[in-house]
Amino acid sequence: MVTSDYIFPIYPEETARQEFDKAIAQGRLSADENARNFAGLYMFMGFDEETGEVLFKNIDNRVYID
């Protein structure tokens, strides 16, 4: 992980790609462009500090997925 002067850590692109792949395999996100949870509609935001859960946020409404 690369850090900077920002509050939030900056993750390598490969980390985001891996987490998207995992989320699609688990059904949290979808590869189907017509699905409500289509991966292309979300941003990888990192990991919850307390739980380690992977965080994704919708690009339009900025709501995190469960």
N, C-alpha and C. Protein backbone atom coordinates (compact mmCIF):
# COMPACT_ATOMS: atom_id res chain seq x y z
N MET A 1 0.84 -1.18 0.00
CA MET A 1 0.00 0.00 0.00
C MET A 1 0.88 1.24 0.00
N VAL A 2 0.51 2.18 -0.81
CA VAL A 2 1.22 3.45 -0.90
C VAL A 2 0.46 4.46 -0.04
N THR A 3 1.17 5.22 0.75
CA THR A 3 0.50 6.24 1.54
C THR A 3 0.97 7.61 1.09
N SER A 4 0.22 8.61 1.48
CA SER A 4 0.56 9.98 1.11
C SER A 4 0.17 10.89 2.26
N ASP A 5 0.09 12.17 1.99
CA ASP A 5 -0.33 13.13 3.00
C ASP A 5 -1.83 13.14 3.19
N TYR A 6 -2.55 12.36 2.40
CA TYR A 6 -4.00 12.30 2.51
C TYR A 6 -4.40 11.44 3.69
N ILE A 7 -5.62 11.65 4.16
CA ILE A 7 -6.14 10.86 5.28
C ILE A 7 -6.35 9.41 4.87
N PHE A 8 -6.81 9.19 3.63
CA PHE A 8 -7.13 7.86 3.16
C PHE A 8 -5.93 7.24 2.46
N PRO A 9 -5.72 5.93 2.67
CA PRO A 9 -4.60 5.27 1.98
C PRO A 9 -4.90 5.16 0.49
N ILE A 10 -3.85 5.09 -0.30
CA ILE A 10 -3.97 4.90 -1.74
C ILE A 10 -3.53 3.47 -2.03
N TYR A 11 -4.44 2.70 -2.63
CA TYR A 11 -4.16 1.30 -2.91
C TYR A 11 -3.72 1.13 -4.36
N PRO A 12 -2.85 0.17 -4.61
CA PRO A 12 -2.44 -0.10 -5.99
C PRO A 12 -3.65 -0.55 -6.82
N GLU A 13 -3.63 -0.25 -8.10
CA GLU A 13 -4.73 -0.63 -8.99
C GLU A 13 -4.99 -2.13 -8.93
N GLU A 14 -3.96 -2.91 -8.80
CA GLU A 14 -4.11 -4.37 -8.75
C GLU A 14 -4.96 -4.80 -7.55
N THR A 15 -4.82 -4.13 -6.43
CA THR A 15 -5.63 -4.45 -5.25
C THR A 15 -7.10 -4.23 -5.56
N ALA A 16 -7.42 -3.12 -6.18
CA ALA A 16 -8.81 -2.83 -6.55
C ALA A 16 -9.34 -3.90 -7.51
N ARG A 17 -8.55 -4.26 -8.50
CA ARG A 17 -8.99 -5.28 -9.47
C ARG A 17 -9.26 -6.61 -8.78
N GLN A 18 -8.38 -7.00 -7.88
CA GLN A 18 -8.57 -8.26 -7.15
C GLN A 18 -9.84 -8.22 -6.30
N GLU A 19 -10.08 -7.10 -5.64
CA GLU A 19 -11.26 -7.00 -4.78
C GLU A 19 -12.55 -6.96 -5.60
N PHE A 20 -12.52 -6.33 -6.77
CA PHE A 20 -13.68 -6.37 -7.65
C PHE A 20 -13.95 -7.80 -8.09
N ASP A 21 -12.91 -8.53 -8.48
CA ASP A 21 -13.07 -9.92 -8.91
C ASP A 21 -13.67 -10.77 -7.79
N LYS A 22 -13.18 -10.59 -6.57
CA LYS A 22 -13.71 -11.34 -5.43
C LYS A 22 -15.17 -11.00 -5.18
N ALA A 23 -15.50 -9.70 -5.24
CA ALA A 23 -16.88 -9.26 -4.98
C ALA A 23 -17.83 -9.83 -6.04
N ILE A 24 -17.38 -9.91 -7.28
CA ILE A 24 -18.20 -10.51 -8.33
C ILE A 24 -18.38 -12.00 -8.08
N ALA A 25 -17.32 -12.69 -7.71
CA ALA A 25 -17.40 -14.12 -7.42
C ALA A 25 -18.32 -14.41 -6.23
N GLN A 26 -18.35 -13.50 -5.26
CA GLN A 26 -19.19 -13.67 -4.07
C GLN A 26 -20.63 -13.22 -4.29
N GLY A 27 -20.88 -12.52 -5.39
CA GLY A 27 -22.23 -12.03 -5.68
C GLY A 27 -22.54 -10.66 -5.11
N ARG A 28 -21.58 -10.02 -4.46
CA ARG A 28 -21.80 -8.65 -3.96
C ARG A 28 -21.93 -7.69 -5.12
N LEU A 29 -21.16 -7.90 -6.17
CA LEU A 29 -21.21 -7.12 -7.40
C LEU A 29 -21.45 -8.08 -8.56
N SER A 30 -21.83 -7.53 -9.71
CA SER A 30 -22.13 -8.36 -10.87
C SER A 30 -21.33 -7.88 -12.08
N ALA A 31 -21.02 -8.82 -12.97
CA ALA A 31 -20.39 -8.49 -14.24
C ALA A 31 -21.44 -8.17 -15.30
N ASP A 32 -22.69 -8.39 -14.99
CA ASP A 32 -23.81 -8.14 -15.91
C ASP A 32 -24.13 -6.65 -15.94
N GLU A 33 -23.97 -6.02 -17.09
CA GLU A 33 -24.19 -4.58 -17.22
C GLU A 33 -25.63 -4.17 -16.91
N ASN A 34 -26.56 -5.11 -16.97
CA ASN A 34 -27.97 -4.80 -16.71
C ASN A 34 -28.37 -5.01 -15.25
N ALA A 35 -27.45 -5.52 -14.45
CA ALA A 35 -27.75 -5.78 -13.03
C ALA A 35 -27.67 -4.50 -12.21
N ARG A 36 -28.49 -4.41 -11.17
CA ARG A 36 -28.46 -3.24 -10.29
C ARG A 36 -27.12 -3.09 -9.60
N ASN A 37 -26.44 -4.21 -9.36
CA ASN A 37 -25.15 -4.19 -8.67
C ASN A 37 -23.98 -4.38 -9.64
N PHE A 38 -24.14 -3.90 -10.87
CA PHE A 38 -23.07 -3.99 -11.88
C PHE A 38 -21.80 -3.33 -11.36
N ALA A 39 -20.70 -4.05 -11.40
CA ALA A 39 -19.42 -3.59 -10.86
C ALA A 39 -18.99 -2.24 -11.44
N GLY A 40 -19.35 -1.97 -12.67
CA GLY A 40 -18.97 -0.71 -13.31
C GLY A 40 -19.63 0.52 -12.71
N LEU A 41 -20.61 0.30 -11.83
CA LEU A 41 -21.30 1.40 -11.17
C LEU A 41 -20.72 1.71 -9.79
N TYR A 42 -19.63 1.02 -9.42
CA TYR A 42 -19.08 1.17 -8.08
C TYR A 42 -17.60 1.53 -8.11
N MET A 43 -17.18 2.17 -7.02
CA MET A 43 -15.77 2.52 -6.80
C MET A 43 -15.25 1.69 -5.63
N PHE A 44 -14.04 1.21 -5.75
CA PHE A 44 -13.37 0.56 -4.62
C PHE A 44 -12.88 1.65 -3.69
N MET A 45 -13.28 1.57 -2.41
CA MET A 45 -12.93 2.61 -1.46
C MET A 45 -11.91 2.15 -0.41
N GLY A 46 -11.53 0.89 -0.46
CA GLY A 46 -10.57 0.39 0.52
C GLY A 46 -11.20 -0.61 1.46
N PHE A 47 -10.72 -0.61 2.70
CA PHE A 47 -11.14 -1.59 3.68
C PHE A 47 -11.59 -0.90 4.97
N ASP A 48 -12.63 -1.44 5.58
CA ASP A 48 -13.08 -0.94 6.88
C ASP A 48 -11.98 -1.22 7.90
N GLU A 49 -11.57 -0.21 8.64
CA GLU A 49 -10.47 -0.37 9.60
C GLU A 49 -10.80 -1.34 10.72
N GLU A 50 -12.06 -1.40 11.13
CA GLU A 50 -12.44 -2.26 12.25
C GLU A 50 -12.72 -3.70 11.83
N THR A 51 -13.43 -3.86 10.70
CA THR A 51 -13.86 -5.20 10.30
C THR A 51 -13.03 -5.81 9.18
N GLY A 52 -12.31 -4.97 8.43
CA GLY A 52 -11.55 -5.45 7.28
C GLY A 52 -12.41 -5.66 6.05
N GLU A 53 -13.72 -5.34 6.16
CA GLU A 53 -14.63 -5.51 5.04
C GLU A 53 -14.22 -4.61 3.88
N VAL A 54 -14.36 -5.14 2.67
CA VAL A 54 -14.05 -4.36 1.48
C VAL A 54 -15.19 -3.38 1.23
N LEU A 55 -14.84 -2.13 0.95
CA LEU A 55 -15.84 -1.08 0.78
C LEU A 55 -15.95 -0.67 -0.69
N PHE A 56 -17.19 -0.65 -1.18
CA PHE A 56 -17.50 -0.18 -2.53
C PHE A 56 -18.58 0.88 -2.41
N LYS A 57 -18.43 1.95 -3.19
CA LYS A 57 -19.39 3.05 -3.17
C LYS A 57 -19.94 3.27 -4.58
N ASN A 58 -21.27 3.47 -4.66
CA ASN A 58 -21.92 3.73 -5.94
C ASN A 58 -21.41 5.05 -6.51
N ILE A 59 -21.13 5.07 -7.81
CA ILE A 59 -20.57 6.28 -8.43
C ILE A 59 -21.60 7.39 -8.60
N ASP A 60 -22.88 7.04 -8.60
CA ASP A 60 -23.92 8.05 -8.81
C ASP A 60 -24.46 8.61 -7.50
N ASN A 61 -24.89 7.71 -6.60
CA ASN A 61 -25.53 8.19 -5.37
C ASN A 61 -24.61 8.17 -4.15
N ARG A 62 -23.40 7.69 -4.31
CA ARG A 62 -22.38 7.66 -3.26
C ARG A 62 -22.76 6.80 -2.05
N VAL A 63 -23.68 5.87 -2.26
CA VAL A 63 -24.09 4.96 -1.18
C VAL A 63 -23.19 3.73 -1.23
N TYR A 64 -22.73 3.30 -0.05
CA TYR A 64 -21.92 2.10 0.06
C TYR A 64 -22.81 0.88 -0.03
N ILE A 65 -22.28 -0.23 -0.61
CA ILE A 65 -23.05 -1.47 -0.63
C ILE A 65 -22.78 -2.24 0.65
N ASP A 66 -23.75 -3.08 1.02
CA ASP A 66 -23.61 -3.92 2.22
C ASP A 66 -22.81 -5.15 1.92
